[in-house]
Amino acid sequence: MKIVENTRSIESKVTLICHCGGATGMCLLGLGPSFYPTRSLWKLQRLLDQHSSWAIGRSKLKLKLKLDASVVSVSAWYGSKLVGFGRASSDGVFRAVLWDILVSTHWQGKGIGKQIVKKLLTSPSLENVEKVYLMTTKSGGFYQQLGFKYADTQKMLFLSKD
C-alpha cells in the first residue's frame, strides 16, 4: 500500500492510497489511511450504494472478488471517510480497463477524480500498457480532459448473464 498526500482539495487534505493487486489490506483487514482498521470494504459498499447508479447492491463478497481480480485500486480518504475510489484490470502489456471510478457527490469538482485516474494510469501495473479503456454513460467530458477519446472505430458488445 502506497500513501500519497493530495493537497489540491479545497476543504482539506485527502489521502490517496494506491493498493496493489487484490487490495489485500482493504479486503482482509479493512485497512484505511495510516493502516488503521476502518471497515473499508463496508465503506466501499456504502460509497457505491450512495453515489452510483450502476453499482447499487453489490455484496461484500462480490466486492472482494472484483478487488481480487484488479491489478491496482486507488482509494481516496478524508480522515477515516472514504470519499473516492477507482480500480483497473489489465494484461500488463497491451490492454487495461478502468472500472468503478467514483467520487462522493459532496467531494466532486475538487480534483479527487483526476488524481484517482492519474494514480491508476501511472501505477507500475499500467504505466507500460498500450491502450487503456473505460466505459461511461455520463462523464465523457471529464475523461476527455484527461486525454481519453471516444472510440469511433470500435463497438462495445456485451453478453448479459443475468
Protein backbone atom coordinates (compact mmCIF):
# COMPACT_ATOMS: atom_id res chain seq x y z
CA MET A 1 0.00 0.00 0.00
CA LYS A 2 1.42 3.36 -1.02
CA ILE A 3 0.15 6.57 0.56
CA VAL A 4 0.24 9.90 -1.25
CA GLU A 5 -0.98 13.23 0.10
CA ASN A 6 -3.15 15.31 -2.22
CA THR A 7 -3.25 18.93 -1.11
CA ARG A 8 -5.37 20.11 -4.05
CA SER A 9 -8.58 19.62 -2.13
CA ILE A 10 -10.16 22.95 -1.27
CA GLU A 11 -11.52 21.89 2.12
CA SER A 12 -8.57 19.89 3.43
CA LYS A 13 -6.10 17.16 2.63
CA VAL A 14 -7.35 13.98 1.06
CA THR A 15 -5.16 10.91 1.29
CA LEU A 16 -4.86 8.66 -1.77
CA ILE A 17 -3.93 5.05 -1.20
CA CYS A 18 -2.66 3.01 -4.13
CA HIS A 19 -3.49 -0.64 -3.38
CA CYS A 20 -1.55 -3.42 -5.09
CA GLY A 21 -3.39 -6.17 -6.93
CA GLY A 22 -6.16 -7.66 -4.84
CA ALA A 23 -6.20 -4.74 -2.35
CA THR A 24 -5.45 -7.24 0.42
CA GLY A 25 -5.29 -4.68 3.24
CA MET A 26 -8.66 -3.30 2.25
CA CYS A 27 -10.32 -6.69 1.70
CA LEU A 28 -8.98 -8.82 4.52
CA LEU A 29 -8.14 -6.33 7.23
CA GLY A 30 -10.42 -3.39 6.40
CA LEU A 31 -7.48 -1.01 6.45
CA GLY A 32 -7.71 2.64 5.52
CA PRO A 33 -5.28 5.56 5.87
CA SER A 34 -2.37 5.15 8.29
CA PHE A 35 -3.02 1.39 8.25
CA TYR A 36 -5.84 1.70 10.80
CA PRO A 37 -8.81 -0.67 10.57
CA THR A 38 -11.70 1.42 9.23
CA ARG A 39 -14.15 -1.16 7.86
CA SER A 40 -13.01 -0.05 4.41
CA LEU A 41 -14.85 -2.77 2.48
CA TRP A 42 -18.12 -1.78 4.13
CA LYS A 43 -17.31 1.87 3.34
CA LEU A 44 -16.66 0.98 -0.30
CA GLN A 45 -20.01 -0.81 -0.45
CA ARG A 46 -21.70 2.26 1.05
CA LEU A 47 -19.91 4.67 -1.35
CA LEU A 48 -21.08 2.62 -4.34
CA ASP A 49 -24.64 2.35 -3.00
CA GLN A 50 -25.00 6.05 -2.24
CA HIS A 51 -23.11 7.67 -5.12
CA SER A 52 -23.53 5.46 -8.18
CA SER A 53 -26.42 4.24 -10.26
CA TRP A 54 -24.52 1.29 -11.73
CA ALA A 55 -23.16 -0.43 -8.61
CA ILE A 56 -26.01 -0.38 -6.09
CA GLY A 57 -26.48 -3.50 -4.00
CA ARG A 58 -23.17 -5.23 -4.58
CA SER A 59 -22.39 -7.68 -1.78
CA LYS A 60 -19.14 -7.57 0.21
CA LEU A 61 -18.23 -10.99 -1.22
CA LYS A 62 -18.58 -9.72 -4.79
CA LEU A 63 -16.63 -6.57 -3.91
CA LYS A 64 -13.81 -8.78 -2.59
CA LEU A 65 -13.88 -10.83 -5.80
CA LYS A 66 -13.68 -7.75 -8.03
CA LEU A 67 -10.83 -6.30 -5.98
CA ASP A 68 -9.03 -9.63 -6.15
CA ALA A 69 -9.27 -9.52 -9.96
CA SER A 70 -7.93 -5.95 -10.11
CA VAL A 71 -4.25 -5.23 -10.71
CA VAL A 72 -4.45 -1.87 -8.92
CA SER A 73 -7.03 0.07 -6.90
CA VAL A 74 -6.93 3.61 -5.55
CA SER A 75 -8.98 4.83 -2.61
CA ALA A 76 -9.36 8.47 -1.52
CA TRP A 77 -9.85 9.27 2.17
CA TYR A 78 -10.77 12.32 4.18
CA GLY A 79 -9.75 11.18 7.64
CA SER A 80 -11.47 7.81 8.05
CA LYS A 81 -14.18 8.63 5.47
CA LEU A 82 -13.89 7.00 2.04
CA VAL A 83 -14.66 9.76 -0.50
CA GLY A 84 -13.43 8.23 -3.77
CA PHE A 85 -12.38 5.02 -5.45
CA GLY A 86 -11.19 3.53 -8.75
CA ARG A 87 -9.64 0.30 -9.98
CA ALA A 88 -8.15 -1.31 -13.09
CA SER A 89 -7.71 -4.71 -14.67
CA SER A 90 -5.03 -5.43 -17.26
CA ASP A 91 -2.90 -7.96 -19.11
CA GLY A 92 0.06 -5.73 -18.20
CA VAL A 93 1.22 -5.22 -21.78
CA PHE A 94 -1.43 -4.43 -24.35
CA ARG A 95 -4.74 -3.55 -22.69
CA ALA A 96 -6.15 -2.24 -19.44
CA VAL A 97 -9.62 -1.19 -18.37
CA LEU A 98 -10.51 1.37 -15.71
CA TRP A 99 -13.50 0.44 -13.57
CA ASP A 100 -15.64 1.91 -10.81
CA ILE A 101 -14.20 5.45 -10.89
CA LEU A 102 -16.29 7.27 -8.32
CA VAL A 103 -16.13 10.32 -6.07
CA SER A 104 -18.71 11.10 -3.40
CA THR A 105 -21.11 13.79 -4.65
CA HIS A 106 -20.01 16.28 -1.97
CA TRP A 107 -16.35 15.90 -2.98
CA GLN A 108 -16.78 16.19 -6.75
CA GLY A 109 -15.15 19.14 -8.51
CA LYS A 110 -12.16 19.23 -6.15
CA GLY A 111 -9.68 17.29 -8.31
CA ILE A 112 -10.03 13.96 -6.50
CA GLY A 113 -11.35 12.04 -9.52
CA LYS A 114 -8.48 13.34 -11.67
CA GLN A 115 -5.97 12.29 -9.03
CA ILE A 116 -7.51 8.80 -8.82
CA VAL A 117 -7.31 8.32 -12.61
CA LYS A 118 -3.76 9.70 -12.79
CA LYS A 119 -2.64 7.45 -9.93
CA LEU A 120 -4.14 4.41 -11.70
CA LEU A 121 -2.53 5.29 -15.04
CA THR A 122 0.93 5.85 -13.52
CA SER A 123 0.88 2.72 -11.36
CA PRO A 124 3.51 0.09 -12.24
CA SER A 125 0.71 -2.23 -13.40
CA LEU A 126 -0.50 0.20 -16.09
CA GLU A 127 2.37 2.55 -16.93
CA ASN A 128 3.56 0.50 -19.94
CA VAL A 129 0.19 -0.68 -21.28
CA GLU A 130 -0.51 0.31 -24.91
CA LYS A 131 -4.22 1.16 -24.58
CA VAL A 132 -6.44 1.93 -21.61
CA TYR A 133 -10.21 1.62 -22.00
CA LEU A 134 -13.11 2.76 -19.87
CA MET A 135 -16.86 2.93 -20.24
CA THR A 136 -19.02 5.79 -19.08
CA THR A 137 -22.58 6.88 -19.64
CA LYS A 138 -22.49 10.48 -18.38
CA SER A 139 -18.89 11.54 -17.72
CA GLY A 140 -17.27 11.58 -21.16
CA GLY A 141 -16.25 15.23 -20.84
CA PHE A 142 -14.43 14.56 -17.57
CA TYR A 143 -12.36 11.76 -19.15
CA GLN A 144 -11.66 13.80 -22.29
CA GLN A 145 -9.95 16.39 -20.05
CA LEU A 146 -7.58 13.60 -19.03
CA GLY A 147 -6.71 12.65 -22.63
CA PHE A 148 -9.29 9.93 -23.32
CA LYS A 149 -11.02 9.93 -26.71
CA TYR A 150 -14.22 8.42 -27.97
CA ALA A 151 -13.53 5.20 -29.91
CA ASP A 152 -15.32 5.82 -33.19
CA THR A 153 -13.82 2.73 -34.81
CA GLN A 154 -14.90 0.28 -32.12
CA LYS A 155 -18.27 -1.01 -31.00
CA MET A 156 -18.98 -2.12 -27.47
CA LEU A 157 -20.62 -5.53 -27.26
CA PHE A 158 -21.78 -7.33 -24.15
CA LEU A 159 -23.36 -10.56 -23.05
CA SER A 160 -25.69 -10.30 -20.08
CA LYS A 161 -25.75 -13.46 -17.96
CA ASP A 162 -28.49 -12.22 -15.62
